[in-house]
């Protein structure tokens, strides 16, 4: 799923399920602390963030549940694919995330992992879970928009 989105930005993985199950209120860009073999594996597009989430512990933000497949030529240098990874943010951003995440129903979900220039980044979404009727409304709205596009395309 590696594709060019903007100049200098290579998307490695996106979390399409997150936009379906959560309403994204805001997002923030964070750096990822990775080992060398993890970076090589990410450059090959071997990552999955569908089950990922972020947790704030002792003033630091940690990404859990992100799977980075072991690098094939990595041998002993490979690390656990599901290890907890630290996110790099400014203190001001962390304080804002702490305040937002303490609101009821708010969670921090990774939306996409990408390389910006040569640095691995993750777009972290401040999300609120959708109810079943919210999802049905979204589907109905998409169908209406699709029908309108079809009628105007003729």
C-alpha atoms as a PDB file:
ATOM      1  CA  UNK A   1       0.000   0.000   0.000  1.00  0.00           C
ATOM      2  CA  UNK A   2       3.026   2.236  -0.403  1.00  0.00           C
ATOM      3  CA  UNK A   3       1.983   5.208  -2.489  1.00  0.00           C
ATOM      4  CA  UNK A   4       2.991   8.811  -3.021  1.00  0.00           C
ATOM      5  CA  UNK A   5       0.565  11.213  -1.390  1.00  0.00           C
ATOM      6  CA  UNK A   6       2.456  14.487  -1.460  1.00  0.00           C
ATOM      7  CA  UNK A   7       5.957  15.431  -2.509  1.00  0.00           C
ATOM      8  CA  UNK A   8       8.331  13.893   0.022  1.00  0.00           C
ATOM      9  CA  UNK A   9       5.649  11.833   1.803  1.00  0.00           C
ATOM     10  CA  UNK A  10       5.452   8.051   1.354  1.00  0.00           C
ATOM     11  CA  UNK A  11       2.452   6.409   3.051  1.00  0.00           C
ATOM     12  CA  UNK A  12       3.290   3.017   4.564  1.00  0.00           C
ATOM     13  CA  UNK A  13      -0.009   2.048   6.243  1.00  0.00           C
ATOM     14  CA  UNK A  14      -3.433   3.594   6.720  1.00  0.00           C
ATOM     15  CA  UNK A  15      -6.133   2.701   9.218  1.00  0.00           C
ATOM     16  CA  UNK A  16      -9.329   2.708   7.153  1.00  0.00           C
ATOM     17  CA  UNK A  17     -11.212   0.907   9.907  1.00  0.00           C
ATOM     18  CA  UNK A  18     -10.609   3.842  12.268  1.00  0.00           C
ATOM     19  CA  UNK A  19     -12.579   6.298  10.142  1.00  0.00           C
ATOM     20  CA  UNK A  20     -15.448   3.798   9.974  1.00  0.00           C
ATOM     21  CA  UNK A  21     -15.615   3.019  13.697  1.00  0.00           C
ATOM     22  CA  UNK A  22     -14.599   6.421  15.110  1.00  0.00           C
ATOM     23  CA  UNK A  23     -15.413  10.063  14.515  1.00  0.00           C
ATOM     24  CA  UNK A  24     -12.058  11.814  14.122  1.00  0.00           C
ATOM     25  CA  UNK A  25     -12.244  15.098  16.045  1.00  0.00           C
ATOM     26  CA  UNK A  26      -8.652  16.235  15.549  1.00  0.00           C
ATOM     27  CA  UNK A  27      -5.285  14.830  14.517  1.00  0.00           C
ATOM     28  CA  UNK A  28      -1.653  15.415  15.390  1.00  0.00           C
ATOM     29  CA  UNK A  29       1.599  14.358  13.703  1.00  0.00           C
ATOM     30  CA  UNK A  30       4.124  12.503  15.866  1.00  0.00           C
ATOM     31  CA  UNK A  31       7.540  11.004  15.261  1.00  0.00           C
ATOM     32  CA  UNK A  32       8.182   7.287  15.868  1.00  0.00           C
ATOM     33  CA  UNK A  33      11.102   5.817  17.813  1.00  0.00           C
ATOM     34  CA  UNK A  34      12.194   2.771  15.800  1.00  0.00           C
ATOM     35  CA  UNK A  35      15.159   0.424  15.506  1.00  0.00           C
ATOM     36  CA  UNK A  36      17.131   0.079  12.267  1.00  0.00           C
ATOM     37  CA  UNK A  37      15.470  -3.128  11.107  1.00  0.00           C
ATOM     38  CA  UNK A  38      12.019  -1.695  11.837  1.00  0.00           C
ATOM     39  CA  UNK A  39      12.774   1.276   9.583  1.00  0.00           C
ATOM     40  CA  UNK A  40      13.886  -1.046   6.766  1.00  0.00           C
ATOM     41  CA  UNK A  41      10.761  -3.155   7.189  1.00  0.00           C
ATOM     42  CA  UNK A  42       8.558  -0.018   7.163  1.00  0.00           C
ATOM     43  CA  UNK A  43      10.231   1.188   3.971  1.00  0.00           C
ATOM     44  CA  UNK A  44       9.135  -2.108   2.383  1.00  0.00           C
ATOM     45  CA  UNK A  45       5.569  -1.385   3.514  1.00  0.00           C
ATOM     46  CA  UNK A  46       5.366  -4.145   6.133  1.00  0.00           C
ATOM     47  CA  UNK A  47       3.177  -2.521   8.791  1.00  0.00           C
ATOM     48  CA  UNK A  48      -0.352  -2.879  10.129  1.00  0.00           C
ATOM     49  CA  UNK A  49      -1.979  -0.289  12.398  1.00  0.00           C
ATOM     50  CA  UNK A  50      -5.561  -1.585  12.315  1.00  0.00           C
ATOM     51  CA  UNK A  51      -5.426  -2.754  15.950  1.00  0.00           C
ATOM     52  CA  UNK A  52      -3.239   0.115  17.147  1.00  0.00           C
ATOM     53  CA  UNK A  53      -3.954   2.720  19.807  1.00  0.00           C
ATOM     54  CA  UNK A  54      -1.960   5.260  21.807  1.00  0.00           C
ATOM     55  CA  UNK A  55      -1.668   5.502  25.564  1.00  0.00           C
ATOM     56  CA  UNK A  56      -0.257   8.316  27.684  1.00  0.00           C
ATOM     57  CA  UNK A  57       1.900   7.153  30.613  1.00  0.00           C
ATOM     58  CA  UNK A  58       3.968   9.434  32.877  1.00  0.00           C
ATOM     59  CA  UNK A  59       3.885  12.322  30.431  1.00  0.00           C
ATOM     60  CA  UNK A  60       4.953  10.193  27.442  1.00  0.00           C
ATOM     61  CA  UNK A  61       2.862   8.909  24.544  1.00  0.00           C
ATOM     62  CA  UNK A  62       3.219   5.231  23.574  1.00  0.00           C
ATOM     63  CA  UNK A  63       1.856   3.455  20.498  1.00  0.00           C
ATOM     64  CA  UNK A  64       0.573  -0.065  21.198  1.00  0.00           C
ATOM     65  CA  UNK A  65      -0.795  -2.723  18.882  1.00  0.00           C
ATOM     66  CA  UNK A  66       1.082  -1.599  15.772  1.00  0.00           C
ATOM     67  CA  UNK A  67       2.552  -4.595  13.946  1.00  0.00           C
ATOM     68  CA  UNK A  68       5.818  -4.118  12.040  1.00  0.00           C
ATOM     69  CA  UNK A  69       6.856  -7.381  10.369  1.00  0.00           C
ATOM     70  CA  UNK A  70      10.441  -8.504  11.060  1.00  0.00           C
ATOM     71  CA  UNK A  71      12.948  -7.479   8.402  1.00  0.00           C
ATOM     72  CA  UNK A  72      13.871 -10.548   6.355  1.00  0.00           C
ATOM     73  CA  UNK A  73      17.626  -9.848   6.345  1.00  0.00           C
ATOM     74  CA  UNK A  74      17.622  -8.650   9.961  1.00  0.00           C
ATOM     75  CA  UNK A  75      18.602 -11.888  11.793  1.00  0.00           C
ATOM     76  CA  UNK A  76      19.357 -11.218  15.486  1.00  0.00           C
ATOM     77  CA  UNK A  77      18.742  -7.452  15.151  1.00  0.00           C
ATOM     78  CA  UNK A  78      14.973  -7.934  14.698  1.00  0.00           C
ATOM     79  CA  UNK A  79      12.752  -6.958  17.615  1.00  0.00           C
ATOM     80  CA  UNK A  80       9.259  -8.038  18.700  1.00  0.00           C
ATOM     81  CA  UNK A  81       6.791  -7.055  15.921  1.00  0.00           C
ATOM     82  CA  UNK A  82       4.166  -5.901  18.458  1.00  0.00           C
ATOM     83  CA  UNK A  83       6.460  -4.042  20.830  1.00  0.00           C
ATOM     84  CA  UNK A  84       5.305  -0.767  22.350  1.00  0.00           C
ATOM     85  CA  UNK A  85       6.817   2.194  20.507  1.00  0.00           C
ATOM     86  CA  UNK A  86       7.392   5.687  21.855  1.00  0.00           C
ATOM     87  CA  UNK A  87       5.901   8.665  20.021  1.00  0.00           C
ATOM     88  CA  UNK A  88       7.797  11.935  19.845  1.00  0.00           C
ATOM     89  CA  UNK A  89       5.748  15.056  20.576  1.00  0.00           C
ATOM     90  CA  UNK A  90       6.363  18.466  22.098  1.00  0.00           C
ATOM     91  CA  UNK A  91       5.353  18.871  25.745  1.00  0.00           C
ATOM     92  CA  UNK A  92       2.650  21.342  24.758  1.00  0.00           C
ATOM     93  CA  UNK A  93       1.116  18.781  22.384  1.00  0.00           C
ATOM     94  CA  UNK A  94       1.309  16.050  25.038  1.00  0.00           C
ATOM     95  CA  UNK A  95      -0.468  18.285  27.574  1.00  0.00           C
ATOM     96  CA  UNK A  96      -3.192  18.967  25.002  1.00  0.00           C
ATOM     97  CA  UNK A  97      -3.552  15.240  24.298  1.00  0.00           C
ATOM     98  CA  UNK A  98      -3.764  14.487  28.031  1.00  0.00           C
ATOM     99  CA  UNK A  99      -6.547  17.045  28.446  1.00  0.00           C
ATOM    100  CA  UNK A 100      -8.471  15.726  25.428  1.00  0.00           C
ATOM    101  CA  UNK A 101      -8.038  12.035  26.278  1.00  0.00           C
ATOM    102  CA  UNK A 102      -9.502  12.524  29.762  1.00  0.00           C
ATOM    103  CA  UNK A 103     -12.845  13.465  28.233  1.00  0.00           C
ATOM    104  CA  UNK A 104     -15.301  10.533  28.292  1.00  0.00           C
ATOM    105  CA  UNK A 105     -15.304   8.367  25.159  1.00  0.00           C
ATOM    106  CA  UNK A 106     -12.140   9.883  23.657  1.00  0.00           C
ATOM    107  CA  UNK A 107      -9.334   7.626  22.472  1.00  0.00           C
ATOM    108  CA  UNK A 108      -6.100   8.088  20.521  1.00  0.00           C
ATOM    109  CA  UNK A 109      -5.966   6.047  17.307  1.00  0.00           C
ATOM    110  CA  UNK A 110      -3.176   5.956  14.664  1.00  0.00           C
ATOM    111  CA  UNK A 111      -4.655   6.983  11.312  1.00  0.00           C
ATOM    112  CA  UNK A 112      -1.614   6.515   9.076  1.00  0.00           C
ATOM    113  CA  UNK A 113       2.103   5.779   9.193  1.00  0.00           C
ATOM    114  CA  UNK A 114       4.307   7.470   6.631  1.00  0.00           C
ATOM    115  CA  UNK A 115       7.768   8.786   5.867  1.00  0.00           C
ATOM    116  CA  UNK A 116       8.111  12.543   5.638  1.00  0.00           C
ATOM    117  CA  UNK A 117      11.420  13.240   3.937  1.00  0.00           C
ATOM    118  CA  UNK A 118      13.402  10.483   5.698  1.00  0.00           C
ATOM    119  CA  UNK A 119      11.641  10.482   9.082  1.00  0.00           C
ATOM    120  CA  UNK A 120       9.004   7.962  10.146  1.00  0.00           C
ATOM    121  CA  UNK A 121       5.821   9.717  11.287  1.00  0.00           C
ATOM    122  CA  UNK A 122       2.409   8.650  12.535  1.00  0.00           C
ATOM    123  CA  UNK A 123      -0.781  10.689  12.247  1.00  0.00           C
ATOM    124  CA  UNK A 124      -2.558  10.252  15.564  1.00  0.00           C
ATOM    125  CA  UNK A 125      -6.286  10.916  15.636  1.00  0.00           C
ATOM    126  CA  UNK A 126      -8.242  12.145  18.644  1.00  0.00           C
ATOM    127  CA  UNK A 127     -11.345  10.023  18.147  1.00  0.00           C
ATOM    128  CA  UNK A 128     -14.734   9.356  19.659  1.00  0.00           C
ATOM    129  CA  UNK A 129     -16.419   6.000  19.062  1.00  0.00           C
ATOM    130  CA  UNK A 130     -19.405   5.944  16.721  1.00  0.00           C
ATOM    131  CA  UNK A 131     -22.667   4.276  17.606  1.00  0.00           C
ATOM    132  CA  UNK A 132     -24.395   1.905  15.171  1.00  0.00           C
ATOM    133  CA  UNK A 133     -26.873   4.585  14.060  1.00  0.00           C
ATOM    134  CA  UNK A 134     -24.003   7.013  13.374  1.00  0.00           C
ATOM    135  CA  UNK A 135     -22.431   4.461  11.034  1.00  0.00           C
ATOM    136  CA  UNK A 136     -25.762   3.909   9.267  1.00  0.00           C
ATOM    137  CA  UNK A 137     -26.167   7.660   8.795  1.00  0.00           C
ATOM    138  CA  UNK A 138     -22.658   7.871   7.306  1.00  0.00           C
ATOM    139  CA  UNK A 139     -23.428   5.047   4.888  1.00  0.00           C
ATOM    140  CA  UNK A 140     -26.728   6.661   3.872  1.00  0.00           C
ATOM    141  CA  UNK A 141     -25.000  10.031   3.337  1.00  0.00           C
ATOM    142  CA  UNK A 142     -22.300   8.395   1.152  1.00  0.00           C
ATOM    143  CA  UNK A 143     -24.951   6.658  -0.951  1.00  0.00           C
ATOM    144  CA  UNK A 144     -26.828   9.930  -1.487  1.00  0.00           C
ATOM    145  CA  UNK A 145     -23.612  11.688  -2.521  1.00  0.00           C
ATOM    146  CA  UNK A 146     -22.759   8.821  -4.885  1.00  0.00           C
ATOM    147  CA  UNK A 147     -26.211   9.017  -6.485  1.00  0.00           C
ATOM    148  CA  UNK A 148     -25.888  12.792  -6.910  1.00  0.00           C
ATOM    149  CA  UNK A 149     -22.510  12.385  -8.591  1.00  0.00           C
ATOM    150  CA  UNK A 150     -23.961   9.793 -10.953  1.00  0.00           C
ATOM    151  CA  UNK A 151     -26.870  12.028 -11.947  1.00  0.00           C
ATOM    152  CA  UNK A 152     -24.644  15.059 -12.561  1.00  0.00           C
ATOM    153  CA  UNK A 153     -22.065  12.992 -14.471  1.00  0.00           C
ATOM    154  CA  UNK A 154     -24.630  12.153 -17.178  1.00  0.00           C
END
